[in-house]
Amino acid sequence: MTTLLIARQGRHRQLYEDNFRLVSGCIPYRVKRGYEECSNCIEDSLQVLMISSPNRHDLVFPKGGWENDETVHEAACREAFEEAGIRGILNNNQLGVWEFRSKTRQDKCSLDGGCRGYMFALEVTEELDSWPEQENHDRKWLDVRDAFGLCRYEWMKEALRAFVTLFEKDETTKLMSNQTVIESAVSKPASGSYSVKSSAILNSCSAKNVFLQIGSLEVL
């Protein structure tokens, strides 16, 4: 039995605020194979997914109208499914909110052509072979640096910068957490020399190239 994949149609549920049409979208991403433990450069370790539009050479991230029977997060996931045929894990912390005018489809926004877009990061866990808007959108995985050059709008470049910053902060938090673990594994006896309580913890951290200097002790 074939399941019909149909995108939502119409604007009867569309949400508006301050004369702006509310839009929700995401930056879909995946970690490149072989870079799972690499945190030196986020732009080298991640790829993002973008979609095309008919008769255009530039690309966009999945996005669309936020409707009154769903949360902003549900709207972002729905648009990712309808436009790009993907499912995944959405980071509920928004990358930011951008106000912009639709240059090519002003009828899809408010009477003034204004949209207010909420963007999120989506870790892709599934890519479907068929999706509702497949005829209108091809999808393409790109390195982050290449994606910057193909973004159709300046506000999407800003969202991509916010995406990179989010991951840089996450990696810094992980590094600080590892340092705390190492510090708790090292004690300073009365003699002034250092001793290690748990070599297993240190070995686990050293596998991720964590470097810490405590007094005269270096842990690599």
Protein backbone atom coordinates (compact mmCIF):
# COMPACT_ATOMS: atom_id res chain seq x y z
CA MET A 1 0.00 0.00 0.00
CA THR A 2 1.45 3.36 -1.08
CA THR A 3 1.48 6.21 1.44
CA LEU A 4 0.67 9.62 0.00
CA LEU A 5 3.11 12.38 0.95
CA ILE A 6 1.28 15.69 0.84
CA ALA A 7 2.53 19.10 1.96
CA ARG A 8 0.24 21.49 3.76
CA GLN A 9 -1.54 23.96 1.49
CA GLY A 10 -3.20 27.32 2.03
CA ARG A 11 -2.77 30.11 4.54
CA HIS A 12 -5.87 29.71 6.74
CA ARG A 13 -3.74 28.56 9.73
CA GLN A 14 -0.84 30.94 9.16
CA LEU A 15 0.37 32.91 12.19
CA TYR A 16 1.12 36.64 12.01
CA GLU A 17 2.65 39.04 14.49
CA ASP A 18 3.07 42.82 14.11
CA ASN A 19 2.09 42.45 10.45
CA PHE A 20 4.89 39.90 9.89
CA ARG A 21 4.22 36.40 8.64
CA LEU A 22 5.85 33.99 11.12
CA VAL A 23 8.24 31.52 9.55
CA SER A 24 10.11 28.58 11.07
CA GLY A 25 13.07 26.75 9.58
CA CYS A 26 16.25 24.88 10.30
CA ILE A 27 19.83 24.28 9.25
CA PRO A 28 20.09 20.50 8.81
CA TYR A 29 23.54 19.06 9.52
CA ARG A 30 25.60 15.92 9.91
CA VAL A 31 29.10 15.16 11.16
CA LYS A 32 31.47 14.14 8.37
CA ARG A 33 32.71 10.57 8.53
CA GLY A 34 36.06 10.38 10.25
CA TYR A 35 35.54 13.68 12.10
CA GLU A 36 33.40 12.36 14.98
CA GLU A 37 36.09 13.14 17.59
CA CYS A 38 37.47 16.26 15.91
CA SER A 39 36.72 19.60 17.54
CA ASN A 40 39.61 21.66 16.14
CA CYS A 41 37.55 23.22 13.36
CA ILE A 42 33.77 23.05 13.27
CA GLU A 43 33.63 24.16 9.63
CA ASP A 44 35.77 21.16 8.62
CA SER A 45 33.87 18.56 10.63
CA LEU A 46 30.27 19.40 9.69
CA GLN A 47 28.17 19.41 6.54
CA VAL A 48 24.87 21.22 6.12
CA LEU A 49 21.98 20.38 3.82
CA MET A 50 20.48 22.98 1.51
CA ILE A 51 17.70 22.82 -1.05
CA SER A 52 17.25 24.27 -4.50
CA SER A 53 14.33 26.05 -6.13
CA PRO A 54 13.24 25.90 -9.79
CA ASN A 55 15.29 28.10 -12.13
CA ARG A 56 17.68 29.24 -9.40
CA HIS A 57 21.38 28.43 -8.94
CA ASP A 58 21.58 29.55 -5.32
CA LEU A 59 20.26 27.55 -2.38
CA VAL A 60 18.21 27.95 0.80
CA PHE A 61 17.60 26.14 4.06
CA PRO A 62 14.22 24.48 4.64
CA LYS A 63 11.70 26.94 6.05
CA GLY A 64 8.04 27.83 5.83
CA GLY A 65 5.00 29.22 7.55
CA TRP A 66 4.44 28.59 11.26
CA GLU A 67 0.79 27.61 11.71
CA ASN A 68 -1.58 27.95 14.65
CA ASP A 69 -1.91 24.22 15.44
CA GLU A 70 1.81 23.61 16.03
CA THR A 71 4.76 24.90 18.01
CA VAL A 72 7.61 26.75 16.34
CA HIS A 73 9.75 23.60 16.76
CA GLU A 74 7.11 21.38 15.17
CA ALA A 75 6.85 23.82 12.27
CA ALA A 76 10.62 23.65 11.67
CA CYS A 77 10.56 19.84 11.64
CA ARG A 78 7.52 19.74 9.35
CA GLU A 79 9.13 22.09 6.82
CA ALA A 80 12.32 20.00 6.87
CA PHE A 81 10.24 16.94 6.03
CA GLU A 82 8.07 18.60 3.37
CA GLU A 83 10.82 20.52 1.55
CA ALA A 84 13.89 18.32 2.06
CA GLY A 85 12.60 14.87 2.97
CA ILE A 86 14.58 14.63 6.19
CA ARG A 87 13.91 13.84 9.83
CA GLY A 88 16.16 14.37 12.80
CA ILE A 89 16.81 15.80 16.25
CA LEU A 90 16.03 19.49 16.59
CA ASN A 91 18.03 21.67 18.97
CA ASN A 92 15.31 23.65 20.76
CA ASN A 93 17.63 26.62 21.30
CA GLN A 94 16.96 28.96 18.40
CA LEU A 95 19.85 30.24 16.33
CA GLY A 96 18.13 33.60 16.15
CA VAL A 97 15.18 35.52 14.75
CA TRP A 98 15.44 37.39 11.46
CA GLU A 99 13.09 39.82 9.79
CA PHE A 100 13.23 39.95 6.02
CA ARG A 101 11.20 40.59 2.90
CA SER A 102 10.45 37.88 0.40
CA LYS A 103 11.89 39.07 -2.91
CA THR A 104 10.25 36.54 -5.21
CA ARG A 105 7.03 35.44 -3.46
CA GLN A 106 5.71 38.43 -1.55
CA ASP A 107 2.21 36.99 -1.71
CA LYS A 108 3.39 34.29 0.73
CA CYS A 109 4.18 36.89 3.38
CA SER A 110 2.16 39.69 4.92
CA LEU A 111 0.58 42.53 2.97
CA ASP A 112 3.85 44.42 3.36
CA GLY A 113 5.90 41.43 2.25
CA GLY A 114 7.52 41.03 5.67
CA CYS A 115 8.48 37.74 7.32
CA ARG A 116 9.85 37.00 10.78
CA GLY A 117 11.89 33.80 10.69
CA TYR A 118 12.93 31.54 13.59
CA MET A 119 15.84 29.23 12.77
CA PHE A 120 17.13 26.10 14.53
CA ALA A 121 19.80 23.42 14.08
CA LEU A 122 18.58 19.95 13.07
CA GLU A 123 20.81 16.87 13.33
CA VAL A 124 19.69 14.67 10.43
CA THR A 125 19.02 11.04 11.31
CA GLU A 126 16.97 9.99 8.28
CA GLU A 127 16.87 10.91 4.58
CA LEU A 128 13.74 9.79 2.74
CA ASP A 129 13.70 8.63 -0.87
CA SER A 130 10.45 10.50 -1.51
CA TRP A 131 9.01 13.65 0.07
CA PRO A 132 6.06 16.00 -0.54
CA GLU A 133 7.86 18.82 -2.38
CA GLN A 134 10.42 16.69 -4.17
CA GLU A 135 9.41 18.08 -7.57
CA ASN A 136 10.28 21.61 -6.50
CA HIS A 137 13.34 21.04 -4.32
CA ASP A 138 16.51 19.07 -4.79
CA ARG A 139 18.72 18.64 -1.73
CA LYS A 140 22.48 18.90 -1.49
CA TRP A 141 25.02 18.28 1.27
CA LEU A 142 27.72 20.94 1.48
CA ASP A 143 30.75 21.77 3.55
CA VAL A 144 30.02 24.79 5.72
CA ARG A 145 32.44 27.02 3.83
CA ASP A 146 30.78 26.20 0.49
CA ALA A 147 27.33 26.80 1.97
CA PHE A 148 28.23 30.40 2.83
CA GLY A 149 28.85 31.09 -0.85
CA LEU A 150 25.57 29.58 -2.00
CA CYS A 151 23.16 31.14 0.51
CA ARG A 152 20.49 33.04 -1.39
CA TYR A 153 19.94 35.68 1.29
CA GLU A 154 22.23 37.58 3.62
CA TRP A 155 20.09 36.70 6.64
CA MET A 156 20.69 33.00 5.90
CA LYS A 157 24.44 33.63 6.02
CA GLU A 158 23.92 35.24 9.41
CA ALA A 159 21.96 32.18 10.55
CA LEU A 160 24.78 29.94 9.34
CA ARG A 161 27.32 32.00 11.31
CA ALA A 162 25.11 31.59 14.39
CA PHE A 163 25.02 27.85 13.70
CA VAL A 164 28.84 27.65 13.65
CA THR A 165 29.05 29.75 16.82
CA LEU A 166 26.59 27.40 18.56
CA PHE A 167 28.83 24.41 17.90
CA GLU A 168 31.99 26.27 18.87
CA LYS A 169 30.37 27.06 22.23
CA ASP A 170 29.29 23.43 22.63
CA GLU A 171 32.84 22.21 21.99
CA THR A 172 34.25 24.73 24.47
CA THR A 173 31.79 23.49 27.09
CA LYS A 174 32.82 19.87 26.43
CA LEU A 175 36.51 20.80 26.71
CA MET A 176 35.97 22.59 30.02
CA SER A 177 34.03 19.55 31.27
CA ASN A 178 36.95 17.27 30.36
CA GLN A 179 39.38 19.60 32.14
CA THR A 180 37.24 19.43 35.26
CA VAL A 181 37.37 15.63 35.13
CA ILE A 182 41.17 15.70 34.81
CA GLU A 183 41.58 18.20 37.63
CA SER A 184 39.46 16.00 39.92
CA ALA A 185 41.67 13.04 39.03
CA VAL A 186 44.85 14.81 40.18
CA SER A 187 45.73 15.48 43.84
CA LYS A 188 48.64 17.31 45.45
CA PRO A 189 50.06 15.50 48.54
CA ALA A 190 51.85 17.37 51.30
CA SER A 191 55.22 16.60 49.68
CA GLY A 192 54.33 18.88 46.78
CA SER A 193 54.48 16.19 44.09
CA TYR A 194 51.39 15.29 42.09
CA SER A 195 49.70 11.91 41.95
CA VAL A 196 47.03 10.59 39.59
CA LYS A 197 43.92 9.02 41.13
CA SER A 198 42.53 7.45 37.98
CA SER A 199 44.64 6.77 34.89
CA ALA A 200 41.54 5.43 33.11
CA ILE A 201 39.94 8.87 33.15
CA LEU A 202 43.11 10.50 31.88
CA ASN A 203 43.47 7.96 29.09
CA SER A 204 39.89 8.60 28.04
CA CYS A 205 40.50 12.33 27.81
CA SER A 206 43.86 12.01 26.08
CA ALA A 207 42.15 10.15 23.26
CA LYS A 208 40.43 13.42 22.45
CA ASN A 209 43.69 15.40 22.43
CA VAL A 210 42.85 17.26 25.62
CA PHE A 211 45.88 19.19 26.97
CA LEU A 212 46.09 20.43 30.53
CA GLN A 213 49.01 21.73 32.58
CA ILE A 214 48.64 21.66 36.35
CA GLY A 215 51.70 22.97 38.14
CA SER A 216 54.59 20.85 36.87
CA LEU A 217 52.32 18.04 35.61
CA GLU A 218 51.35 17.85 31.94
CA VAL A 219 48.52 15.58 30.85
CA LEU A 220 48.23 14.93 27.11
